[in-house]
Amino acid sequence: MPHVVIKTLSGPTKEALQKAADQISDIVNKTLGKPKKYISVSVEEYAFDEWEGVYKEYIEGKDNVLIKPGYSDPKIFQ
């Protein structure tokens, strides 16, 4: 606790994903006051043609998505 999941299109380097995970861990530690030993971060990469399913399952119409994406059509990101 807490566990953060990064869902992204495939493409970022391992190094970039690690840097993002490290920075997210730091932010969770600082803003929520959780010790780093309790924070975990995972990454799930998806192909472009899979993203519509991710959008519909995890983003669209979900109250727990605190920052909404600036697109409503995941097929063309508009």
C-alpha atoms as a PDB file:
ATOM      1  CA  MET A   1       0.000   0.000   0.000  1.00  0.00           C
ATOM      2  CA  PRO A   2      -0.150   2.111  -1.979  1.00  0.00           C
ATOM      3  CA  HIS A   3       0.314   0.476  -5.366  1.00  0.00           C
ATOM      4  CA  VAL A   4       0.378   2.637  -8.502  1.00  0.00           C
ATOM      5  CA  VAL A   5      -0.148   1.198 -11.985  1.00  0.00           C
ATOM      6  CA  ILE A   6       1.133   2.997 -15.072  1.00  0.00           C
ATOM      7  CA  LYS A   7      -0.795   1.912 -18.167  1.00  0.00           C
ATOM      8  CA  THR A   8       0.837   3.213 -21.328  1.00  0.00           C
ATOM      9  CA  LEU A   9       1.277   2.563 -25.005  1.00  0.00           C
ATOM     10  CA  SER A  10       4.376   0.499 -25.735  1.00  0.00           C
ATOM     11  CA  GLY A  11       7.429   2.459 -26.664  1.00  0.00           C
ATOM     12  CA  PRO A  12       9.104   4.188 -23.721  1.00  0.00           C
ATOM     13  CA  THR A  13      12.528   2.824 -22.853  1.00  0.00           C
ATOM     14  CA  LYS A  14      13.064   0.784 -19.698  1.00  0.00           C
ATOM     15  CA  GLU A  15      15.113   3.672 -18.380  1.00  0.00           C
ATOM     16  CA  ALA A  16      12.297   6.180 -18.980  1.00  0.00           C
ATOM     17  CA  LEU A  17       9.749   3.884 -17.327  1.00  0.00           C
ATOM     18  CA  GLN A  18      12.046   3.370 -14.334  1.00  0.00           C
ATOM     19  CA  LYS A  19      12.554   7.126 -14.005  1.00  0.00           C
ATOM     20  CA  ALA A  20       8.774   7.698 -14.090  1.00  0.00           C
ATOM     21  CA  ALA A  21       8.225   4.984 -11.479  1.00  0.00           C
ATOM     22  CA  ASP A  22      10.924   6.457  -9.223  1.00  0.00           C
ATOM     23  CA  GLN A  23       9.436   9.943  -9.486  1.00  0.00           C
ATOM     24  CA  ILE A  24       5.905   8.674  -8.824  1.00  0.00           C
ATOM     25  CA  SER A  25       7.186   6.828  -5.754  1.00  0.00           C
ATOM     26  CA  ASP A  26       8.834  10.025  -4.527  1.00  0.00           C
ATOM     27  CA  ILE A  27       5.631  12.028  -5.016  1.00  0.00           C
ATOM     28  CA  VAL A  28       3.487   9.436  -3.228  1.00  0.00           C
ATOM     29  CA  ASN A  29       5.979   9.448  -0.367  1.00  0.00           C
ATOM     30  CA  LYS A  30       5.983  13.244  -0.093  1.00  0.00           C
ATOM     31  CA  THR A  31       2.286  13.982  -0.637  1.00  0.00           C
ATOM     32  CA  LEU A  32       0.634  11.025   1.076  1.00  0.00           C
ATOM     33  CA  GLY A  33       3.286  10.522   3.727  1.00  0.00           C
ATOM     34  CA  LYS A  34       3.726   6.838   2.971  1.00  0.00           C
ATOM     35  CA  PRO A  35       7.158   5.326   3.610  1.00  0.00           C
ATOM     36  CA  LYS A  36       8.893   4.314   0.383  1.00  0.00           C
ATOM     37  CA  LYS A  37       9.222   0.728   1.607  1.00  0.00           C
ATOM     38  CA  TYR A  38       5.418   0.426   1.331  1.00  0.00           C
ATOM     39  CA  ILE A  39       5.081   1.954  -2.160  1.00  0.00           C
ATOM     40  CA  SER A  40       5.057  -0.173  -5.302  1.00  0.00           C
ATOM     41  CA  VAL A  41       4.759   0.894  -8.925  1.00  0.00           C
ATOM     42  CA  SER A  42       4.101  -1.372 -11.891  1.00  0.00           C
ATOM     43  CA  VAL A  43       3.962  -0.743 -15.638  1.00  0.00           C
ATOM     44  CA  GLU A  44       1.587  -2.280 -18.152  1.00  0.00           C
ATOM     45  CA  GLU A  45       2.380  -1.599 -21.803  1.00  0.00           C
ATOM     46  CA  TYR A  46      -0.218  -1.932 -24.548  1.00  0.00           C
ATOM     47  CA  ALA A  47      -0.184  -1.906 -28.331  1.00  0.00           C
ATOM     48  CA  PHE A  48      -2.058   0.964 -29.990  1.00  0.00           C
ATOM     49  CA  ASP A  49      -4.887  -1.345 -31.074  1.00  0.00           C
ATOM     50  CA  GLU A  50      -5.370  -2.492 -27.451  1.00  0.00           C
ATOM     51  CA  TRP A  51      -5.716   1.003 -26.017  1.00  0.00           C
ATOM     52  CA  GLU A  52      -9.436   1.364 -26.775  1.00  0.00           C
ATOM     53  CA  GLY A  53     -10.094  -1.580 -24.437  1.00  0.00           C
ATOM     54  CA  VAL A  54      -7.939  -0.029 -21.717  1.00  0.00           C
ATOM     55  CA  TYR A  55      -9.761   3.293 -22.142  1.00  0.00           C
ATOM     56  CA  LYS A  56     -13.195   1.717 -21.909  1.00  0.00           C
ATOM     57  CA  GLU A  57     -12.333  -0.500 -18.933  1.00  0.00           C
ATOM     58  CA  TYR A  58     -10.240   1.822 -16.790  1.00  0.00           C
ATOM     59  CA  ILE A  59     -10.863   5.438 -17.858  1.00  0.00           C
ATOM     60  CA  GLU A  60     -14.171   6.174 -19.551  1.00  0.00           C
ATOM     61  CA  GLY A  61     -16.855   7.193 -17.055  1.00  0.00           C
ATOM     62  CA  LYS A  62     -14.808   6.206 -14.003  1.00  0.00           C
ATOM     63  CA  ASP A  63     -15.131   8.434 -10.940  1.00  0.00           C
ATOM     64  CA  ASN A  64     -11.734   7.336  -9.618  1.00  0.00           C
ATOM     65  CA  VAL A  65      -9.902   8.830 -12.634  1.00  0.00           C
ATOM     66  CA  LEU A  66      -8.885  12.110 -11.024  1.00  0.00           C
ATOM     67  CA  ILE A  67      -7.195  13.556 -14.106  1.00  0.00           C
ATOM     68  CA  LYS A  68      -9.245  12.933 -17.241  1.00  0.00           C
ATOM     69  CA  PRO A  69      -7.517  12.606 -20.611  1.00  0.00           C
ATOM     70  CA  GLY A  70      -7.948  15.358 -23.169  1.00  0.00           C
ATOM     71  CA  TYR A  71      -9.484  12.977 -25.692  1.00  0.00           C
ATOM     72  CA  SER A  72     -12.709  11.016 -25.856  1.00  0.00           C
ATOM     73  CA  ASP A  73     -11.910   8.807 -28.854  1.00  0.00           C
ATOM     74  CA  PRO A  74      -9.038   6.443 -28.031  1.00  0.00           C
ATOM     75  CA  LYS A  75      -8.789   5.286 -31.641  1.00  0.00           C
ATOM     76  CA  ILE A  76      -7.476   8.672 -32.776  1.00  0.00           C
ATOM     77  CA  PHE A  77      -6.786  10.403 -29.450  1.00  0.00           C
ATOM     78  CA  GLN A  78      -9.227  13.247 -30.134  1.00  0.00           C
END
